[in-house]
Amino acid sequence: MPLIPVLEQKTIHDLLLVLDLAGAFVFAISGAMLGVRRNLDIFGILVLSFAASSAGGITRDLLIGAVPPAALSDWRYLAVALAAGLLTFFCYSLIARLLALFAVAGTQKALAYD
């Protein structure tokens, strides 16, 4: 009998995938924001979005021997990067304000706890 039942293994695998995709989304936004600030066109922003979202994961996968890297073999990573890039391209000011809000909220919490 396996230590972790098959259902729990699938649930853990799905959770890790969701967390990995969420991280890729956030990094993709950071790359896309740089592209918008540098006045790149939509293609340049999408390229930066994918590069920022995937470079770390690809490096990790290559170093641990997980080939081919998930960012290159799973279409969802590309979809997440493109969605984040498009969202940033069309809603840059909203995203910039949300990031500023998170920074202020984090600072206030840090000040509250000395």
N, C-alpha and C. Protein backbone atom coordinates (compact mmCIF):
# COMPACT_ATOMS: atom_id res chain seq x y z
N MET A 1 0.85 -1.18 0.00
CA MET A 1 0.00 0.00 0.00
C MET A 1 0.90 1.24 0.00
N PRO A 2 0.69 2.17 -0.96
CA PRO A 2 1.53 3.37 -1.01
C PRO A 2 1.31 4.25 0.21
N LEU A 3 2.35 5.00 0.54
CA LEU A 3 2.31 5.89 1.70
C LEU A 3 1.25 6.97 1.51
N ILE A 4 1.19 7.56 0.33
CA ILE A 4 0.18 8.58 0.03
C ILE A 4 -0.76 7.97 -1.00
N PRO A 5 -2.05 7.95 -0.69
CA PRO A 5 -3.00 7.40 -1.67
C PRO A 5 -2.92 8.15 -3.00
N VAL A 6 -3.31 7.47 -4.05
CA VAL A 6 -3.21 8.02 -5.40
C VAL A 6 -4.00 9.33 -5.52
N LEU A 7 -5.17 9.40 -4.92
CA LEU A 7 -5.97 10.61 -5.01
C LEU A 7 -5.24 11.80 -4.39
N GLU A 8 -4.60 11.58 -3.25
CA GLU A 8 -3.85 12.66 -2.60
C GLU A 8 -2.65 13.07 -3.45
N GLN A 9 -2.00 12.12 -4.10
CA GLN A 9 -0.86 12.46 -4.96
C GLN A 9 -1.31 13.35 -6.11
N LYS A 10 -2.46 13.03 -6.70
CA LYS A 10 -2.98 13.84 -7.80
C LYS A 10 -3.33 15.23 -7.28
N THR A 11 -3.92 15.33 -6.12
CA THR A 11 -4.28 16.62 -5.55
C THR A 11 -3.04 17.46 -5.27
N ILE A 12 -2.02 16.85 -4.73
CA ILE A 12 -0.77 17.56 -4.47
C ILE A 12 -0.14 18.01 -5.78
N HIS A 13 -0.13 17.13 -6.78
CA HIS A 13 0.41 17.47 -8.09
C HIS A 13 -0.34 18.65 -8.70
N ASP A 14 -1.68 18.63 -8.61
CA ASP A 14 -2.49 19.72 -9.14
C ASP A 14 -2.22 21.03 -8.40
N LEU A 15 -2.07 20.96 -7.09
CA LEU A 15 -1.78 22.15 -6.29
C LEU A 15 -0.44 22.75 -6.68
N LEU A 16 0.56 21.91 -6.85
CA LEU A 16 1.88 22.40 -7.25
C LEU A 16 1.85 23.02 -8.64
N LEU A 17 1.07 22.43 -9.54
CA LEU A 17 0.93 22.99 -10.88
C LEU A 17 0.28 24.37 -10.82
N VAL A 18 -0.78 24.50 -10.03
CA VAL A 18 -1.46 25.80 -9.90
C VAL A 18 -0.52 26.84 -9.31
N LEU A 19 0.24 26.47 -8.29
CA LEU A 19 1.20 27.41 -7.70
C LEU A 19 2.29 27.79 -8.69
N ASP A 20 2.76 26.84 -9.47
CA ASP A 20 3.79 27.12 -10.47
C ASP A 20 3.24 28.05 -11.55
N LEU A 21 2.02 27.82 -11.99
CA LEU A 21 1.41 28.70 -12.99
C LEU A 21 1.14 30.09 -12.42
N ALA A 22 0.75 30.17 -11.15
CA ALA A 22 0.53 31.48 -10.52
C ALA A 22 1.83 32.26 -10.45
N GLY A 23 2.92 31.58 -10.09
CA GLY A 23 4.22 32.23 -10.07
C GLY A 23 4.63 32.69 -11.45
N ALA A 24 4.39 31.88 -12.46
CA ALA A 24 4.70 32.26 -13.84
C ALA A 24 3.89 33.48 -14.25
N PHE A 25 2.65 33.55 -13.82
CA PHE A 25 1.78 34.69 -14.14
C PHE A 25 2.34 35.98 -13.54
N VAL A 26 2.75 35.92 -12.29
CA VAL A 26 3.29 37.12 -11.62
C VAL A 26 4.59 37.56 -12.28
N PHE A 27 5.48 36.62 -12.57
CA PHE A 27 6.72 36.99 -13.24
C PHE A 27 6.46 37.51 -14.65
N ALA A 28 5.45 36.96 -15.33
CA ALA A 28 5.10 37.44 -16.66
C ALA A 28 4.62 38.88 -16.60
N ILE A 29 3.85 39.22 -15.58
CA ILE A 29 3.41 40.60 -15.41
C ILE A 29 4.61 41.52 -15.22
N SER A 30 5.59 41.08 -14.42
CA SER A 30 6.76 41.94 -14.20
C SER A 30 7.52 42.17 -15.50
N GLY A 31 7.66 41.16 -16.32
CA GLY A 31 8.32 41.32 -17.61
C GLY A 31 7.53 42.21 -18.55
N ALA A 32 6.22 42.04 -18.57
CA ALA A 32 5.37 42.86 -19.43
C ALA A 32 5.37 44.32 -18.98
N MET A 33 5.41 44.55 -17.68
CA MET A 33 5.45 45.93 -17.19
C MET A 33 6.72 46.63 -17.64
N LEU A 34 7.82 45.92 -17.63
CA LEU A 34 9.07 46.50 -18.13
C LEU A 34 8.93 46.85 -19.61
N GLY A 35 8.32 45.96 -20.37
CA GLY A 35 8.12 46.22 -21.79
C GLY A 35 7.25 47.44 -22.04
N VAL A 36 6.19 47.59 -21.26
CA VAL A 36 5.31 48.76 -21.41
C VAL A 36 6.08 50.03 -21.06
N ARG A 37 6.85 50.00 -19.96
CA ARG A 37 7.63 51.17 -19.56
C ARG A 37 8.66 51.56 -20.61
N ARG A 38 9.17 50.59 -21.35
CA ARG A 38 10.17 50.86 -22.41
C ARG A 38 9.51 51.13 -23.76
N ASN A 39 8.19 51.26 -23.76
CA ASN A 39 7.42 51.57 -24.97
C ASN A 39 7.60 50.54 -26.09
N LEU A 40 7.66 49.27 -25.72
CA LEU A 40 7.74 48.22 -26.72
C LEU A 40 6.36 47.99 -27.35
N ASP A 41 6.36 47.39 -28.52
CA ASP A 41 5.09 47.03 -29.14
C ASP A 41 4.56 45.76 -28.47
N ILE A 42 3.38 45.34 -28.89
CA ILE A 42 2.73 44.18 -28.26
C ILE A 42 3.59 42.92 -28.37
N PHE A 43 4.25 42.72 -29.50
CA PHE A 43 5.07 41.52 -29.66
C PHE A 43 6.25 41.54 -28.68
N GLY A 44 6.90 42.67 -28.54
CA GLY A 44 8.02 42.79 -27.60
C GLY A 44 7.58 42.56 -26.17
N ILE A 45 6.42 43.06 -25.83
CA ILE A 45 5.88 42.87 -24.48
C ILE A 45 5.59 41.39 -24.23
N LEU A 46 5.02 40.71 -25.21
CA LEU A 46 4.72 39.29 -25.04
C LEU A 46 5.99 38.45 -24.95
N VAL A 47 7.02 38.82 -25.70
CA VAL A 47 8.29 38.10 -25.61
C VAL A 47 8.90 38.29 -24.22
N LEU A 48 8.92 39.53 -23.72
CA LEU A 48 9.45 39.76 -22.37
C LEU A 48 8.61 39.05 -21.32
N SER A 49 7.32 39.03 -21.53
CA SER A 49 6.42 38.36 -20.60
C SER A 49 6.75 36.87 -20.51
N PHE A 50 6.93 36.23 -21.67
CA PHE A 50 7.26 34.80 -21.66
C PHE A 50 8.66 34.55 -21.08
N ALA A 51 9.61 35.38 -21.45
CA ALA A 51 10.98 35.20 -20.96
C ALA A 51 11.03 35.33 -19.44
N ALA A 52 10.36 36.36 -18.91
CA ALA A 52 10.38 36.56 -17.46
C ALA A 52 9.65 35.45 -16.72
N SER A 53 8.58 34.94 -17.32
CA SER A 53 7.80 33.91 -16.64
C SER A 53 8.46 32.54 -16.69
N SER A 54 9.28 32.30 -17.70
CA SER A 54 9.77 30.95 -17.94
C SER A 54 11.24 30.71 -17.63
N ALA A 55 12.05 31.73 -17.63
CA ALA A 55 13.50 31.54 -17.51
C ALA A 55 13.88 30.80 -16.23
N GLY A 56 13.32 31.20 -15.12
CA GLY A 56 13.66 30.55 -13.85
C GLY A 56 13.22 29.10 -13.81
N GLY A 57 12.01 28.83 -14.27
CA GLY A 57 11.51 27.46 -14.27
C GLY A 57 12.27 26.55 -15.23
N ILE A 58 12.63 27.09 -16.38
CA ILE A 58 13.41 26.30 -17.33
C ILE A 58 14.77 25.97 -16.74
N THR A 59 15.41 26.96 -16.13
CA THR A 59 16.72 26.73 -15.49
C THR A 59 16.60 25.69 -14.39
N ARG A 60 15.58 25.81 -13.55
CA ARG A 60 15.35 24.84 -12.48
C ARG A 60 15.18 23.44 -13.04
N ASP A 61 14.32 23.30 -14.03
CA ASP A 61 14.06 21.98 -14.60
C ASP A 61 15.31 21.37 -15.21
N LEU A 62 16.10 22.17 -15.90
CA LEU A 62 17.34 21.65 -16.49
C LEU A 62 18.32 21.22 -15.43
N LEU A 63 18.42 21.99 -14.34
CA LEU A 63 19.37 21.65 -13.28
C LEU A 63 18.99 20.38 -12.53
N ILE A 64 17.69 20.13 -12.39
CA ILE A 64 17.28 18.91 -11.67
C ILE A 64 17.06 17.73 -12.61
N GLY A 65 17.24 17.95 -13.91
CA GLY A 65 17.12 16.85 -14.86
C GLY A 65 15.71 16.57 -15.33
N ALA A 66 14.79 17.49 -15.10
CA ALA A 66 13.40 17.33 -15.55
C ALA A 66 13.30 17.88 -16.97
N VAL A 67 13.63 17.01 -17.93
CA VAL A 67 13.62 17.45 -19.33
C VAL A 67 12.54 16.71 -20.10
N PRO A 68 11.87 17.32 -21.02
CA PRO A 68 11.98 18.74 -21.37
C PRO A 68 11.35 19.61 -20.29
N PRO A 69 11.82 20.86 -20.17
CA PRO A 69 11.28 21.75 -19.14
C PRO A 69 9.77 21.95 -19.31
N ALA A 70 9.09 22.05 -18.19
CA ALA A 70 7.63 22.18 -18.21
C ALA A 70 7.18 23.40 -19.01
N ALA A 71 7.90 24.51 -18.91
CA ALA A 71 7.50 25.73 -19.61
C ALA A 71 7.55 25.57 -21.13
N LEU A 72 8.30 24.58 -21.61
CA LEU A 72 8.38 24.35 -23.05
C LEU A 72 7.53 23.17 -23.50
N SER A 73 7.13 22.32 -22.59
CA SER A 73 6.37 21.14 -22.98
C SER A 73 4.89 21.21 -22.61
N ASP A 74 4.50 22.18 -21.81
CA ASP A 74 3.11 22.31 -21.37
C ASP A 74 2.57 23.65 -21.89
N TRP A 75 1.55 23.60 -22.71
CA TRP A 75 0.99 24.80 -23.34
C TRP A 75 0.46 25.81 -22.33
N ARG A 76 0.13 25.35 -21.12
CA ARG A 76 -0.46 26.26 -20.14
C ARG A 76 0.50 27.35 -19.70
N TYR A 77 1.80 27.06 -19.69
CA TYR A 77 2.79 28.08 -19.31
C TYR A 77 2.82 29.21 -20.34
N LEU A 78 2.78 28.86 -21.61
CA LEU A 78 2.74 29.87 -22.66
C LEU A 78 1.44 30.67 -22.58
N ALA A 79 0.33 29.98 -22.35
CA ALA A 79 -0.97 30.65 -22.26
C ALA A 79 -0.99 31.64 -21.10
N VAL A 80 -0.45 31.23 -19.95
CA VAL A 80 -0.41 32.12 -18.79
C VAL A 80 0.46 33.34 -19.08
N ALA A 81 1.61 33.14 -19.71
CA ALA A 81 2.50 34.25 -20.02
C ALA A 81 1.85 35.21 -21.01
N LEU A 82 1.20 34.68 -22.03
CA LEU A 82 0.55 35.54 -23.02
C LEU A 82 -0.64 36.28 -22.41
N ALA A 83 -1.40 35.61 -21.56
CA ALA A 83 -2.54 36.27 -20.89
C ALA A 83 -2.05 37.41 -20.01
N ALA A 84 -0.98 37.17 -19.26
CA ALA A 84 -0.43 38.22 -18.39
C ALA A 84 0.11 39.38 -19.22
N GLY A 85 0.76 39.07 -20.33
CA GLY A 85 1.29 40.11 -21.20
C GLY A 85 0.19 40.96 -21.81
N LEU A 86 -0.87 40.31 -22.29
CA LEU A 86 -1.98 41.05 -22.87
C LEU A 86 -2.72 41.88 -21.82
N LEU A 87 -2.92 41.30 -20.65
CA LEU A 87 -3.57 42.02 -19.56
C LEU A 87 -2.77 43.27 -19.20
N THR A 88 -1.47 43.12 -19.11
CA THR A 88 -0.61 44.25 -18.77
C THR A 88 -0.61 45.29 -19.88
N PHE A 89 -0.57 44.85 -21.12
CA PHE A 89 -0.58 45.78 -22.25
C PHE A 89 -1.83 46.65 -22.25
N PHE A 90 -2.97 46.03 -22.00
CA PHE A 90 -4.23 46.77 -22.08
C PHE A 90 -4.66 47.42 -20.77
N CYS A 91 -4.14 46.96 -19.65
CA CYS A 91 -4.56 47.47 -18.33
C CYS A 91 -3.36 47.87 -17.48
N TYR A 92 -2.35 48.46 -18.09
CA TYR A 92 -1.11 48.76 -17.39
C TYR A 92 -1.34 49.64 -16.15
N SER A 93 -2.11 50.71 -16.30
CA SER A 93 -2.27 51.63 -15.17
C SER A 93 -2.97 50.96 -13.99
N LEU A 94 -3.95 50.11 -14.26
CA LEU A 94 -4.63 49.39 -13.19
C LEU A 94 -3.67 48.45 -12.47
N ILE A 95 -2.87 47.72 -13.23
CA ILE A 95 -1.93 46.77 -12.63
C ILE A 95 -0.87 47.51 -11.82
N ALA A 96 -0.38 48.63 -12.34
CA ALA A 96 0.61 49.42 -11.61
C ALA A 96 0.03 49.92 -10.29
N ARG A 97 -1.23 50.34 -10.29
CA ARG A 97 -1.87 50.80 -9.04
C ARG A 97 -2.06 49.65 -8.07
N LEU A 98 -2.44 48.47 -8.56
CA LEU A 98 -2.60 47.32 -7.67
C LEU A 98 -1.28 46.94 -7.03
N LEU A 99 -0.20 46.94 -7.81
CA LEU A 99 1.10 46.62 -7.23
C LEU A 99 1.52 47.66 -6.20
N ALA A 100 1.22 48.92 -6.47
CA ALA A 100 1.52 49.96 -5.49
C ALA A 100 0.71 49.75 -4.23
N LEU A 101 -0.54 49.35 -4.37
CA LEU A 101 -1.39 49.08 -3.21
C LEU A 101 -0.82 47.95 -2.36
N PHE A 102 -0.35 46.88 -3.00
CA PHE A 102 0.25 45.78 -2.26
C PHE A 102 1.52 46.23 -1.53
N ALA A 103 2.30 47.09 -2.17
CA ALA A 103 3.52 47.59 -1.54
C ALA A 103 3.18 48.43 -0.30
N VAL A 104 2.18 49.28 -0.41
CA VAL A 104 1.77 50.11 0.72
C VAL A 104 1.20 49.25 1.84
N ALA A 105 0.37 48.27 1.50
CA ALA A 105 -0.20 47.38 2.51
C ALA A 105 0.88 46.61 3.24
N GLY A 106 1.87 46.13 2.52
CA GLY A 106 2.98 45.41 3.14
C GLY A 106 3.81 46.31 4.05
N THR A 107 4.03 47.53 3.63
CA THR A 107 4.77 48.48 4.46
C THR A 107 4.01 48.81 5.72
N GLN A 108 2.72 49.01 5.61
CA GLN A 108 1.91 49.30 6.79
C GLN A 108 1.93 48.15 7.78
N LYS A 109 1.87 46.93 7.29
CA LYS A 109 1.90 45.78 8.19
C LYS A 109 3.26 45.69 8.88
N ALA A 110 4.33 45.91 8.10
CA ALA A 110 5.67 45.88 8.69
C ALA A 110 5.82 46.95 9.76
N LEU A 111 5.30 48.15 9.52
CA LEU A 111 5.37 49.21 10.52
C LEU A 111 4.54 48.87 11.76
N ALA A 112 3.39 48.23 11.55
CA ALA A 112 2.53 47.85 12.67
C ALA A 112 3.22 46.83 13.59
N TYR A 113 4.10 46.02 13.03
CA TYR A 113 4.80 45.00 13.82
C TYR A 113 6.24 45.42 14.15
N ASP A 114 6.50 46.71 14.06
CA ASP A 114 7.82 47.30 14.34
C ASP A 114 8.90 46.65 13.49
